Amino acid sequence: MSYYLRNEVSGTYAHRDSIGQHDGLTTTDLDNAARFDTWGEASDYSQNFGPDWSVDEI
């Protein structure tokens, strides 16, 4: 399993090059999405994003 940060409104994922919501980098392709091995890593990363973002396990 891997963990991704998904926007619940748009359905897009945080891009692997994104450093936070303010840069607007998103993707619909999981190959280009920021991927994490643990929920904790993804949760730490999510602190740079707003409340519309959640950690998804895929």
Protein backbone atom coordinates (compact mmCIF):
# COMPACT_ATOMS: atom_id res chain seq x y z
CA MET A 1 0.00 0.00 0.00
CA SER A 2 0.97 3.60 -0.62
CA TYR A 3 -0.43 6.87 0.67
CA TYR A 4 -1.38 9.91 -1.39
CA LEU A 5 -2.76 13.34 -0.64
CA ARG A 6 -6.08 13.87 -2.47
CA ASN A 7 -8.19 16.99 -2.79
CA GLU A 8 -11.74 16.01 -1.80
CA VAL A 9 -13.30 18.78 -3.91
CA SER A 10 -11.45 18.35 -7.21
CA GLY A 11 -10.45 14.69 -6.87
CA THR A 12 -6.86 15.53 -7.86
CA TYR A 13 -3.70 14.46 -6.06
CA ALA A 14 -0.80 16.56 -4.86
CA HIS A 15 1.94 16.46 -7.50
CA ARG A 16 5.26 14.92 -6.46
CA ASP A 17 6.97 18.30 -7.09
CA SER A 18 4.50 20.22 -4.94
CA ILE A 19 5.71 21.82 -1.72
CA GLY A 20 2.23 22.93 -0.65
CA GLN A 21 -1.24 23.95 -1.73
CA HIS A 22 -0.12 27.46 -2.67
CA ASP A 23 1.93 26.27 -5.68
CA GLY A 24 -1.14 24.71 -7.34
CA LEU A 25 0.68 21.61 -8.55
CA THR A 26 -1.83 18.76 -8.81
CA THR A 27 -2.28 15.69 -10.97
CA THR A 28 -4.83 13.02 -11.82
CA ASP A 29 -2.06 10.53 -12.63
CA LEU A 30 -0.84 8.55 -9.61
CA ASP A 31 2.52 8.09 -11.36
CA ASN A 32 3.09 11.84 -10.95
CA ALA A 33 1.55 12.15 -7.49
CA ALA A 34 3.43 12.56 -4.23
CA ARG A 35 3.63 9.02 -2.77
CA PHE A 36 4.41 8.04 0.80
CA ASP A 37 5.21 4.70 2.41
CA THR A 38 3.46 5.50 5.70
CA TRP A 39 0.36 7.36 6.77
CA GLY A 40 2.51 9.43 9.13
CA GLU A 41 4.74 10.70 6.30
CA ALA A 42 1.68 11.67 4.26
CA SER A 43 0.09 13.31 7.28
CA ASP A 44 3.21 15.41 7.91
CA TYR A 45 3.22 16.47 4.25
CA SER A 46 -0.48 17.38 4.44
CA GLN A 47 0.31 20.17 6.92
CA ASN A 48 1.21 22.27 3.86
CA PHE A 49 -2.32 21.90 2.48
CA GLY A 50 -5.77 23.11 3.46
CA PRO A 51 -8.75 21.27 4.94
CA ASP A 52 -9.97 20.02 1.53
CA TRP A 53 -7.07 17.56 1.39
CA SER A 54 -7.03 14.07 2.88
CA VAL A 55 -4.65 11.12 3.00
CA ASP A 56 -5.76 8.23 0.80
CA GLU A 57 -4.43 4.68 1.04
CA ILE A 58 -4.20 3.00 -2.34
